[in-house]
Every structure is written in C-alpha cells, then in structure tokens.
Amino acid sequence: MRAAALVLDVIFLVLLFSGLDRIFTAGITLAFAKHPLWANEHVQTFILSFRVAMEWGLFHIYYLWTSTYYGGTPAKLIFGLRVIDIHTGQTLPLPRILVREVFGKLILNTATLGLGFFLPFTRPDARALHDLVSRSVVKKVHGT
C-alpha cells in the first residue's frame, strides 16, 4: 500500500508541477519576452534556478505540511494510511516530520544509496529507515 501511495503521490506532484510550470512560464514570457535582457543566458539561468527552487520547496511543503497537519500525504490518506508515533499512535509534530522527511529520507537514504527505502520489505513491522530515525510507523487507520 505504501508503494501504491508513493506512485500516486508522484502522479499528484507531476500534475501539480506541470500546471505550475505552465503558469510560471506563461507569466514570465508575458512579462519579459520583449525585454532585451530576456535573451541573456544569465537571466535564463536565474529563471531556471528560481523554477527549480520553487519546485523543490513545493515538494517539501507537500510532504511536510500534509504529514504534519493530516498525518500523511494525500495519497496515503486516500489509502487510509497515516504516519504516526510508534508509541502513542498520534500524528507526528513538525520537528519529527522534519527528521523523517529531511534527515531520514533525504540525507540517510541518499547516504545508503536508497537501501533504507527497502527495509519495509525485510522487517516484520514494515518500517523504513526514515521511520526508524523518527520513531514513526505508517499504519492503516480503520474508519478512514
């Protein structure tokens, strides 16, 4: 279920980024297309860098905000899954979500070449590396 939720989250993010990219490109083109600096490669690099930063920020907001306030990403919620504290069963506060999403997923899983994402397939509690470091678990919540 977690893998299916991940695929659905990726689809949501691609649709979100695609729509925002079209709006951003149209706005920039309308605003600067006839300006002489538009053709400058430094301006083009700045615009591309801004776009990448915007998407990177939105990606993290998508995961951080939804996990903090709703207990999971939209796809997890659709599947009835929640990211909860391993001991209390409560939704994680923002600092623990930061540990899970940034330190666990981004830093540790990158350092282990992504092997931390495969831990749920080998563990009876189905916890990934980012779940272990944040003391969380992804559980099916009944009645959702």
Protein backbone atom coordinates (compact mmCIF):
# COMPACT_ATOMS: atom_id res chain seq x y z
CA MET A 1 0.00 0.00 0.00
CA ARG A 2 2.89 2.36 0.78
CA ALA A 3 4.36 1.80 -2.67
CA ALA A 4 1.00 2.47 -4.33
CA ALA A 5 0.66 5.65 -2.26
CA LEU A 6 4.14 6.73 -3.35
CA VAL A 7 3.25 6.22 -7.02
CA LEU A 8 0.02 8.19 -6.57
CA ASP A 9 1.89 10.99 -4.75
CA VAL A 10 4.35 11.17 -7.65
CA ILE A 11 1.44 11.45 -10.09
CA PHE A 12 -0.09 14.25 -7.96
CA LEU A 13 3.25 16.08 -7.83
CA VAL A 14 3.85 15.74 -11.57
CA LEU A 15 0.41 17.17 -12.27
CA LEU A 16 0.97 19.99 -9.76
CA PHE A 17 4.42 20.86 -11.11
CA SER A 18 3.27 20.63 -14.71
CA GLY A 19 0.40 23.04 -14.11
CA LEU A 20 2.54 25.45 -12.09
CA ASP A 21 5.31 25.28 -14.67
CA ARG A 22 2.88 26.27 -17.42
CA ILE A 23 1.55 29.18 -15.35
CA PHE A 24 5.08 30.28 -14.39
CA THR A 25 6.35 30.07 -17.98
CA ALA A 26 3.35 31.97 -19.33
CA GLY A 27 3.76 34.70 -16.69
CA ILE A 28 7.48 35.12 -17.27
CA THR A 29 7.04 35.09 -21.03
CA LEU A 30 4.30 37.73 -20.91
CA ALA A 31 6.28 39.91 -18.54
CA PHE A 32 9.72 39.73 -20.13
CA ALA A 33 9.52 38.30 -23.66
CA LYS A 34 10.05 41.69 -25.35
CA HIS A 35 12.67 42.87 -22.86
CA PRO A 36 16.23 42.90 -24.26
CA LEU A 37 17.58 41.05 -21.21
CA TRP A 38 15.31 38.07 -21.92
CA ALA A 39 17.85 36.54 -24.29
CA ASN A 40 20.69 36.92 -21.76
CA GLU A 41 21.87 33.48 -20.63
CA HIS A 42 22.32 34.72 -17.04
CA VAL A 43 18.68 35.76 -16.91
CA GLN A 44 17.63 32.39 -18.33
CA THR A 45 19.80 30.62 -15.72
CA PHE A 46 18.26 32.70 -12.95
CA ILE A 47 14.73 31.87 -14.13
CA LEU A 48 15.56 28.16 -14.34
CA SER A 49 17.14 28.26 -10.86
CA PHE A 50 14.08 30.02 -9.46
CA ARG A 51 11.82 27.39 -11.04
CA VAL A 52 13.87 24.52 -9.57
CA ALA A 53 13.91 26.17 -6.13
CA MET A 54 10.15 26.71 -6.31
CA GLU A 55 9.51 23.08 -7.20
CA TRP A 56 11.94 21.82 -4.55
CA GLY A 57 10.20 23.95 -1.94
CA LEU A 58 6.72 22.85 -3.02
CA PHE A 59 7.83 19.22 -2.96
CA HIS A 60 8.90 19.53 0.67
CA ILE A 61 5.84 21.56 1.63
CA TYR A 62 3.68 18.84 0.08
CA TYR A 63 5.27 16.21 2.31
CA LEU A 64 5.92 18.29 5.45
CA TRP A 65 2.65 20.20 5.64
CA THR A 66 0.33 17.35 4.78
CA SER A 67 2.13 14.90 7.07
CA THR A 68 2.14 17.34 9.98
CA TYR A 69 -1.45 18.51 9.73
CA TYR A 70 -3.22 15.49 8.26
CA GLY A 71 -1.00 12.57 9.26
CA GLY A 72 0.11 11.71 5.74
CA THR A 73 0.38 12.77 2.15
CA PRO A 74 -2.81 12.96 0.08
CA ALA A 75 -2.16 9.54 -1.44
CA LYS A 76 -1.55 7.96 1.97
CA LEU A 77 -4.80 9.49 3.18
CA ILE A 78 -6.66 8.09 0.16
CA PHE A 79 -5.38 4.62 1.05
CA GLY A 80 -6.28 5.13 4.72
CA LEU A 81 -2.64 5.21 5.82
CA ARG A 82 -1.28 7.54 8.49
CA VAL A 83 2.23 8.37 9.69
CA ILE A 84 2.02 8.05 13.46
CA ASP A 85 4.23 7.93 16.53
CA ILE A 86 5.31 4.35 17.17
CA HIS A 87 4.48 4.60 20.90
CA THR A 88 1.48 6.93 21.19
CA GLY A 89 -0.27 6.45 17.85
CA GLN A 90 -0.56 10.22 17.46
CA THR A 91 0.31 12.31 14.40
CA LEU A 92 3.93 13.44 14.45
CA PRO A 93 4.75 17.07 15.26
CA LEU A 94 6.64 19.16 12.70
CA PRO A 95 10.14 18.61 14.21
CA ARG A 96 9.71 14.82 13.94
CA ILE A 97 8.29 15.15 10.42
CA LEU A 98 11.40 17.18 9.53
CA VAL A 99 13.60 14.40 10.93
CA ARG A 100 11.60 11.82 8.97
CA GLU A 101 11.37 13.64 5.65
CA VAL A 102 14.61 15.64 5.50
CA PHE A 103 17.14 13.77 7.64
CA GLY A 104 15.76 10.28 7.15
CA LYS A 105 14.60 10.32 3.54
CA LEU A 106 16.88 12.90 2.01
CA ILE A 107 20.16 12.52 3.89
CA LEU A 108 20.26 8.97 5.30
CA ASN A 109 18.61 7.26 2.36
CA THR A 110 20.90 9.12 -0.03
CA ALA A 111 23.91 8.07 2.05
CA THR A 112 22.76 4.43 1.92
CA LEU A 113 22.07 4.65 -1.83
CA GLY A 114 18.35 4.23 -1.24
CA LEU A 115 18.60 0.96 0.66
CA GLY A 116 16.64 2.43 3.56
CA PHE A 117 13.54 2.51 1.38
CA PHE A 118 13.67 -1.29 1.03
CA LEU A 119 13.68 -2.03 4.77
CA PRO A 120 9.87 -2.37 4.95
CA PHE A 121 10.14 -5.45 2.71
CA THR A 122 12.51 -7.14 5.18
CA ARG A 123 11.11 -6.05 8.55
CA PRO A 124 8.04 -7.55 10.23
CA ASP A 125 6.90 -4.07 11.34
CA ALA A 126 7.35 -2.72 7.76
CA ARG A 127 9.31 0.32 8.94
CA ALA A 128 11.74 2.08 6.61
CA LEU A 129 14.96 3.79 7.70
CA HIS A 130 13.22 7.18 7.91
CA ASP A 131 10.55 5.60 10.14
CA LEU A 132 13.21 4.19 12.46
CA VAL A 133 15.04 7.50 12.93
CA SER A 134 11.81 9.44 13.52
CA ARG A 135 10.24 6.77 15.76
CA SER A 136 7.24 6.57 13.44
CA VAL A 137 5.26 3.93 11.61
CA VAL A 138 2.88 4.03 8.67
CA LYS A 139 -0.32 2.26 9.66
CA LYS A 140 -3.67 1.57 8.10
CA VAL A 141 -6.18 3.53 10.16
CA HIS A 142 -9.60 1.97 10.15
CA GLY A 143 -12.64 4.13 9.62
CA THR A 144 -10.95 6.49 7.15
